[in-house]
Amino acid sequence: MKLKSHRASAKRFTLTKSGLVKMNHSHHRHNLGLKTAKRKRHLRTGTYLSSCFAPTIKAMIAPAHK
């Protein structure tokens, strides 16, 4: 049976060459008038997934990156 990647996860996360999982912050789509400029500025940057969640996401998106 062919292994398929979890498409929703593959659209949201990317793997780096060093094996880290890159992601974007949430809460940056609507109700932006209620958030401070500092908060929106920090949400704009990407970040890396924590090490406890990374193996799960890697298993979900790994077939697409082989």
PDB file of N, CA and C in Angstrom:
ATOM      1  N   MET A   1       0.841  -1.179   0.000  1.00  0.00           N
ATOM      2  CA  MET A   1       0.000   0.000   0.000  1.00  0.00           C
ATOM      3  C   MET A   1       0.887   1.243   0.000  1.00  0.00           C
ATOM      4  N   LYS A   2       0.496   2.215  -0.783  1.00  0.00           N
ATOM      5  CA  LYS A   2       1.269   3.438  -0.883  1.00  0.00           C
ATOM      6  C   LYS A   2       1.020   4.324   0.334  1.00  0.00           C
ATOM      7  N   LEU A   3       2.110   4.860   0.911  1.00  0.00           N
ATOM      8  CA  LEU A   3       1.967   5.765   2.037  1.00  0.00           C
ATOM      9  C   LEU A   3       1.626   7.151   1.525  1.00  0.00           C
ATOM     10  N   LYS A   4       0.618   7.756   2.116  1.00  0.00           N
ATOM     11  CA  LYS A   4       0.208   9.092   1.713  1.00  0.00           C
ATOM     12  C   LYS A   4       0.452  10.054   2.865  1.00  0.00           C
ATOM     13  N   SER A   5       0.826  11.253   2.518  1.00  0.00           N
ATOM     14  CA  SER A   5       1.042  12.253   3.553  1.00  0.00           C
ATOM     15  C   SER A   5      -0.290  12.869   3.953  1.00  0.00           C
ATOM     16  N   HIS A   6      -0.348  13.364   5.152  1.00  0.00           N
ATOM     17  CA  HIS A   6      -1.527  14.068   5.646  1.00  0.00           C
ATOM     18  C   HIS A   6      -1.498  15.464   5.028  1.00  0.00           C
ATOM     19  N   ARG A   7      -2.402  15.704   4.072  1.00  0.00           N
ATOM     20  CA  ARG A   7      -2.305  16.909   3.252  1.00  0.00           C
ATOM     21  C   ARG A   7      -2.503  18.182   4.050  1.00  0.00           C
ATOM     22  N   ALA A   8      -3.376  18.169   5.041  1.00  0.00           N
ATOM     23  CA  ALA A   8      -3.583  19.377   5.846  1.00  0.00           C
ATOM     24  C   ALA A   8      -2.315  19.752   6.605  1.00  0.00           C
ATOM     25  N   SER A   9      -1.607  18.745   7.103  1.00  0.00           N
ATOM     26  CA  SER A   9      -0.357  19.009   7.815  1.00  0.00           C
ATOM     27  C   SER A   9       0.753  19.412   6.856  1.00  0.00           C
ATOM     28  N   ALA A  10       0.777  18.819   5.675  1.00  0.00           N
ATOM     29  CA  ALA A  10       1.816  19.138   4.704  1.00  0.00           C
ATOM     30  C   ALA A  10       1.708  20.572   4.215  1.00  0.00           C
ATOM     31  N   LYS A  11       0.492  21.133   4.236  1.00  0.00           N
ATOM     32  CA  LYS A  11       0.314  22.522   3.821  1.00  0.00           C
ATOM     33  C   LYS A  11       0.722  23.503   4.913  1.00  0.00           C
ATOM     34  N   ARG A  12       0.726  23.072   6.148  1.00  0.00           N
ATOM     35  CA  ARG A  12       0.978  23.971   7.267  1.00  0.00           C
ATOM     36  C   ARG A  12       2.390  23.894   7.825  1.00  0.00           C
ATOM     37  N   PHE A  13       3.064  22.770   7.630  1.00  0.00           N
ATOM     38  CA  PHE A  13       4.390  22.570   8.199  1.00  0.00           C
ATOM     39  C   PHE A  13       5.378  22.225   7.093  1.00  0.00           C
ATOM     40  N   THR A  14       6.633  22.637   7.275  1.00  0.00           N
ATOM     41  CA  THR A  14       7.702  22.254   6.355  1.00  0.00           C
ATOM     42  C   THR A  14       8.882  21.742   7.164  1.00  0.00           C
ATOM     43  N   LEU A  15       9.630  20.834   6.563  1.00  0.00           N
ATOM     44  CA  LEU A  15      10.821  20.290   7.206  1.00  0.00           C
ATOM     45  C   LEU A  15      12.050  21.053   6.730  1.00  0.00           C
ATOM     46  N   THR A  16      12.953  21.355   7.657  1.00  0.00           N
ATOM     47  CA  THR A  16      14.208  21.976   7.297  1.00  0.00           C
ATOM     48  C   THR A  16      15.245  20.889   7.011  1.00  0.00           C
ATOM     49  N   LYS A  17      16.377  21.293   6.475  1.00  0.00           N
ATOM     50  CA  LYS A  17      17.439  20.323   6.184  1.00  0.00           C
ATOM     51  C   LYS A  17      17.993  19.695   7.461  1.00  0.00           C
ATOM     52  N   SER A  18      17.955  20.436   8.555  1.00  0.00           N
ATOM     53  CA  SER A  18      18.464  19.897   9.818  1.00  0.00           C
ATOM     54  C   SER A  18      17.440  19.046  10.547  1.00  0.00           C
ATOM     55  N   GLY A  19      16.232  18.918   9.996  1.00  0.00           N
ATOM     56  CA  GLY A  19      15.232  18.054  10.588  1.00  0.00           C
ATOM     57  C   GLY A  19      14.228  18.737  11.498  1.00  0.00           C
ATOM     58  N   LEU A  20      14.315  20.064  11.608  1.00  0.00           N
ATOM     59  CA  LEU A  20      13.340  20.786  12.416  1.00  0.00           C
ATOM     60  C   LEU A  20      12.057  20.987  11.619  1.00  0.00           C
ATOM     61  N   VAL A  21      10.972  21.232  12.307  1.00  0.00           N
ATOM     62  CA  VAL A  21       9.681  21.457  11.657  1.00  0.00           C
ATOM     63  C   VAL A  21       9.345  22.935  11.778  1.00  0.00           C
ATOM     64  N   LYS A  22       9.224  23.604  10.627  1.00  0.00           N
ATOM     65  CA  LYS A  22       8.890  25.018  10.611  1.00  0.00           C
ATOM     66  C   LYS A  22       7.381  25.201  10.550  1.00  0.00           C
ATOM     67  N   MET A  23       6.893  26.258  11.218  1.00  0.00           N
ATOM     68  CA  MET A  23       5.465  26.548  11.211  1.00  0.00           C
ATOM     69  C   MET A  23       5.247  28.054  11.324  1.00  0.00           C
ATOM     70  N   ASN A  24       4.041  28.481  10.991  1.00  0.00           N
ATOM     71  CA  ASN A  24       3.649  29.866  11.178  1.00  0.00           C
ATOM     72  C   ASN A  24       2.786  29.974  12.421  1.00  0.00           C
ATOM     73  N   HIS A  25       2.752  31.166  12.995  1.00  0.00           N
ATOM     74  CA  HIS A  25       1.909  31.409  14.160  1.00  0.00           C
ATOM     75  C   HIS A  25       0.444  31.474  13.740  1.00  0.00           C
ATOM     76  N   SER A  26      -0.432  31.134  14.663  1.00  0.00           N
ATOM     77  CA  SER A  26      -1.868  31.278  14.437  1.00  0.00           C
ATOM     78  C   SER A  26      -2.323  32.640  14.964  1.00  0.00           C
ATOM     79  N   HIS A  27      -3.609  32.917  14.847  1.00  0.00           N
ATOM     80  CA  HIS A  27      -4.243  34.143  15.352  1.00  0.00           C
ATOM     81  C   HIS A  27      -3.784  35.395  14.607  1.00  0.00           C
ATOM     82  N   HIS A  28      -3.450  35.268  13.323  1.00  0.00           N
ATOM     83  CA  HIS A  28      -3.012  36.438  12.562  1.00  0.00           C
ATOM     84  C   HIS A  28      -3.868  36.625  11.320  1.00  0.00           C
ATOM     85  N   ARG A  29      -5.156  36.269  11.383  1.00  0.00           N
ATOM     86  CA  ARG A  29      -6.047  36.374  10.229  1.00  0.00           C
ATOM     87  C   ARG A  29      -7.147  37.407  10.423  1.00  0.00           C
ATOM     88  N   HIS A  30      -7.745  37.439  11.596  1.00  0.00           N
ATOM     89  CA  HIS A  30      -8.855  38.368  11.801  1.00  0.00           C
ATOM     90  C   HIS A  30      -8.823  38.913  13.223  1.00  0.00           C
ATOM     91  N   ASN A  31      -9.684  39.883  13.495  1.00  0.00           N
ATOM     92  CA  ASN A  31      -9.693  40.617  14.769  1.00  0.00           C
ATOM     93  C   ASN A  31      -8.338  41.260  15.041  1.00  0.00           C
ATOM     94  N   LEU A  32      -7.719  41.769  14.004  1.00  0.00           N
ATOM     95  CA  LEU A  32      -6.380  42.334  14.161  1.00  0.00           C
ATOM     96  C   LEU A  32      -6.418  43.707  14.825  1.00  0.00           C
ATOM     97  N   GLY A  33      -7.575  44.349  14.801  1.00  0.00           N
ATOM     98  CA  GLY A  33      -7.676  45.642  15.464  1.00  0.00           C
ATOM     99  C   GLY A  33      -7.628  45.537  16.975  1.00  0.00           C
ATOM    100  N   LEU A  34      -7.910  44.366  17.502  1.00  0.00           N
ATOM    101  CA  LEU A  34      -7.882  44.172  18.952  1.00  0.00           C
ATOM    102  C   LEU A  34      -6.491  43.827  19.459  1.00  0.00           C
ATOM    103  N   LYS A  35      -5.603  43.450  18.562  1.00  0.00           N
ATOM    104  CA  LYS A  35      -4.267  43.031  18.973  1.00  0.00           C
ATOM    105  C   LYS A  35      -3.305  44.214  18.855  1.00  0.00           C
ATOM    106  N   THR A  36      -2.325  44.236  19.730  1.00  0.00           N
ATOM    107  CA  THR A  36      -1.346  45.318  19.694  1.00  0.00           C
ATOM    108  C   THR A  36      -0.382  45.112  18.531  1.00  0.00           C
ATOM    109  N   ALA A  37       0.297  46.184  18.153  1.00  0.00           N
ATOM    110  CA  ALA A  37       1.253  46.112  17.055  1.00  0.00           C
ATOM    111  C   ALA A  37       2.395  45.163  17.379  1.00  0.00           C
ATOM    112  N   LYS A  38       2.819  45.145  18.630  1.00  0.00           N
ATOM    113  CA  LYS A  38       3.895  44.238  19.037  1.00  0.00           C
ATOM    114  C   LYS A  38       3.470  42.789  18.880  1.00  0.00           C
ATOM    115  N   ARG A  39       2.239  42.494  19.293  1.00  0.00           N
ATOM    116  CA  ARG A  39       1.739  41.122  19.191  1.00  0.00           C
ATOM    117  C   ARG A  39       1.637  40.686  17.741  1.00  0.00           C
ATOM    118  N   LYS A  40       1.131  41.553  16.867  1.00  0.00           N
ATOM    119  CA  LYS A  40       1.007  41.211  15.450  1.00  0.00           C
ATOM    120  C   LYS A  40       2.373  41.064  14.800  1.00  0.00           C
ATOM    121  N   ARG A  41       3.325  41.878  15.227  1.00  0.00           N
ATOM    122  CA  ARG A  41       4.685  41.807  14.674  1.00  0.00           C
ATOM    123  C   ARG A  41       5.336  40.469  15.026  1.00  0.00           C
ATOM    124  N   HIS A  42       5.117  39.998  16.226  1.00  0.00           N
ATOM    125  CA  HIS A  42       5.699  38.715  16.624  1.00  0.00           C
ATOM    126  C   HIS A  42       4.969  37.536  15.986  1.00  0.00           C
ATOM    127  N   LEU A  43       3.687  37.689  15.725  1.00  0.00           N
ATOM    128  CA  LEU A  43       2.946  36.617  15.054  1.00  0.00           C
ATOM    129  C   LEU A  43       3.342  36.487  13.591  1.00  0.00           C
ATOM    130  N   ARG A  44       3.873  37.560  13.026  1.00  0.00           N
ATOM    131  CA  ARG A  44       4.229  37.557  11.609  1.00  0.00           C
ATOM    132  C   ARG A  44       5.404  36.633  11.315  1.00  0.00           C
ATOM    133  N   THR A  45       6.300  36.466  12.264  1.00  0.00           N
ATOM    134  CA  THR A  45       7.487  35.641  12.034  1.00  0.00           C
ATOM    135  C   THR A  45       7.163  34.168  12.205  1.00  0.00           C
ATOM    136  N   GLY A  46       7.896  33.325  11.537  1.00  0.00           N
ATOM    137  CA  GLY A  46       7.735  31.889  11.688  1.00  0.00           C
ATOM    138  C   GLY A  46       8.473  31.388  12.912  1.00  0.00           C
ATOM    139  N   THR A  47       8.234  30.146  13.244  1.00  0.00           N
ATOM    140  CA  THR A  47       8.910  29.549  14.391  1.00  0.00           C
ATOM    141  C   THR A  47       9.077  28.057  14.139  1.00  0.00           C
ATOM    142  N   TYR A  48       9.730  27.386  15.055  1.00  0.00           N
ATOM    143  CA  TYR A  48       9.943  25.949  14.945  1.00  0.00           C
ATOM    144  C   TYR A  48       9.053  25.222  15.943  1.00  0.00           C
ATOM    145  N   LEU A  49       8.564  24.086  15.533  1.00  0.00           N
ATOM    146  CA  LEU A  49       7.702  23.280  16.382  1.00  0.00           C
ATOM    147  C   LEU A  49       8.517  22.714  17.541  1.00  0.00           C
ATOM    148  N   SER A  50       7.889  22.571  18.698  1.00  0.00           N
ATOM    149  CA  SER A  50       8.598  22.049  19.861  1.00  0.00           C
ATOM    150  C   SER A  50       8.973  20.586  19.641  1.00  0.00           C
ATOM    151  N   SER A  51       9.981  20.154  20.357  1.00  0.00           N
ATOM    152  CA  SER A  51      10.541  18.823  20.136  1.00  0.00           C
ATOM    153  C   SER A  51       9.582  17.705  20.519  1.00  0.00           C
ATOM    154  N   CYS A  52       8.602  17.989  21.377  1.00  0.00           N
ATOM    155  CA  CYS A  52       7.675  16.923  21.768  1.00  0.00           C
ATOM    156  C   CYS A  52       6.633  16.658  20.681  1.00  0.00           C
ATOM    157  N   PHE A  53       6.287  17.659  19.854  1.00  0.00           N
ATOM    158  CA  PHE A  53       5.307  17.476  18.787  1.00  0.00           C
ATOM    159  C   PHE A  53       5.950  17.123  17.448  1.00  0.00           C
ATOM    160  N   ALA A  54       7.239  17.383  17.303  1.00  0.00           N
ATOM    161  CA  ALA A  54       7.911  17.223  16.017  1.00  0.00           C
ATOM    162  C   ALA A  54       7.839  15.800  15.458  1.00  0.00           C
ATOM    163  N   PRO A  55       8.054  14.738  16.234  1.00  0.00           N
ATOM    164  CA  PRO A  55       7.979  13.390  15.644  1.00  0.00           C
ATOM    165  C   PRO A  55       6.615  13.057  15.060  1.00  0.00           C
ATOM    166  N   THR A  56       5.554  13.536  15.681  1.00  0.00           N
ATOM    167  CA  THR A  56       4.205  13.268  15.178  1.00  0.00           C
ATOM    168  C   THR A  56       3.990  13.941  13.828  1.00  0.00           C
ATOM    169  N   ILE A  57       4.389  15.195  13.716  1.00  0.00           N
ATOM    170  CA  ILE A  57       4.189  15.934  12.477  1.00  0.00           C
ATOM    171  C   ILE A  57       5.106  15.383  11.383  1.00  0.00           C
ATOM    172  N   LYS A  58       6.320  15.000  11.747  1.00  0.00           N
ATOM    173  CA  LYS A  58       7.240  14.416  10.757  1.00  0.00           C
ATOM    174  C   LYS A  58       6.660  13.143  10.154  1.00  0.00           C
ATOM    175  N   ALA A  59       6.038  12.334  10.991  1.00  0.00           N
ATOM    176  CA  ALA A  59       5.432  11.096  10.492  1.00  0.00           C
ATOM    177  C   ALA A  59       4.264  11.381   9.570  1.00  0.00           C
ATOM    178  N   MET A  60       3.578  12.483   9.812  1.00  0.00           N
ATOM    179  CA  MET A  60       2.422  12.823   8.983  1.00  0.00           C
ATOM    180  C   MET A  60       2.832  13.385   7.616  1.00  0.00           C
ATOM    181  N   ILE A  61       3.941  14.140   7.579  1.00  0.00           N
ATOM    182  CA  ILE A  61       4.324  14.778   6.314  1.00  0.00           C
ATOM    183  C   ILE A  61       5.526  14.128   5.656  1.00  0.00           C
ATOM    184  N   ALA A  62       6.112  13.118   6.276  1.00  0.00           N
ATOM    185  CA  ALA A  62       7.334  12.516   5.753  1.00  0.00           C
ATOM    186  C   ALA A  62       7.183  11.892   4.363  1.00  0.00           C
ATOM    187  N   PRO A  63       6.089  11.199   4.033  1.00  0.00           N
ATOM    188  CA  PRO A  63       6.005  10.605   2.686  1.00  0.00           C
ATOM    189  C   PRO A  63       6.070  11.635   1.566  1.00  0.00           C
ATOM    190  N   ALA A  64       5.658  12.845   1.820  1.00  0.00           N
ATOM    191  CA  ALA A  64       5.689  13.882   0.790  1.00  0.00           C
ATOM    192  C   ALA A  64       7.098  14.422   0.583  1.00  0.00           C
ATOM    193  N   HIS A  65       7.990  14.224   1.557  1.00  0.00           N
ATOM    194  CA  HIS A  65       9.330  14.800   1.476  1.00  0.00           C
ATOM    195  C   HIS A  65      10.391  13.741   1.205  1.00  0.00           C
ATOM    196  N   LYS A  66      10.021  12.585   0.696  1.00  0.00           N
ATOM    197  CA  LYS A  66      11.019  11.560   0.393  1.00  0.00           C
ATOM    198  C   LYS A  66      11.275  11.505  -1.087  1.00  0.00           C
TER     199      LYS A  66
END
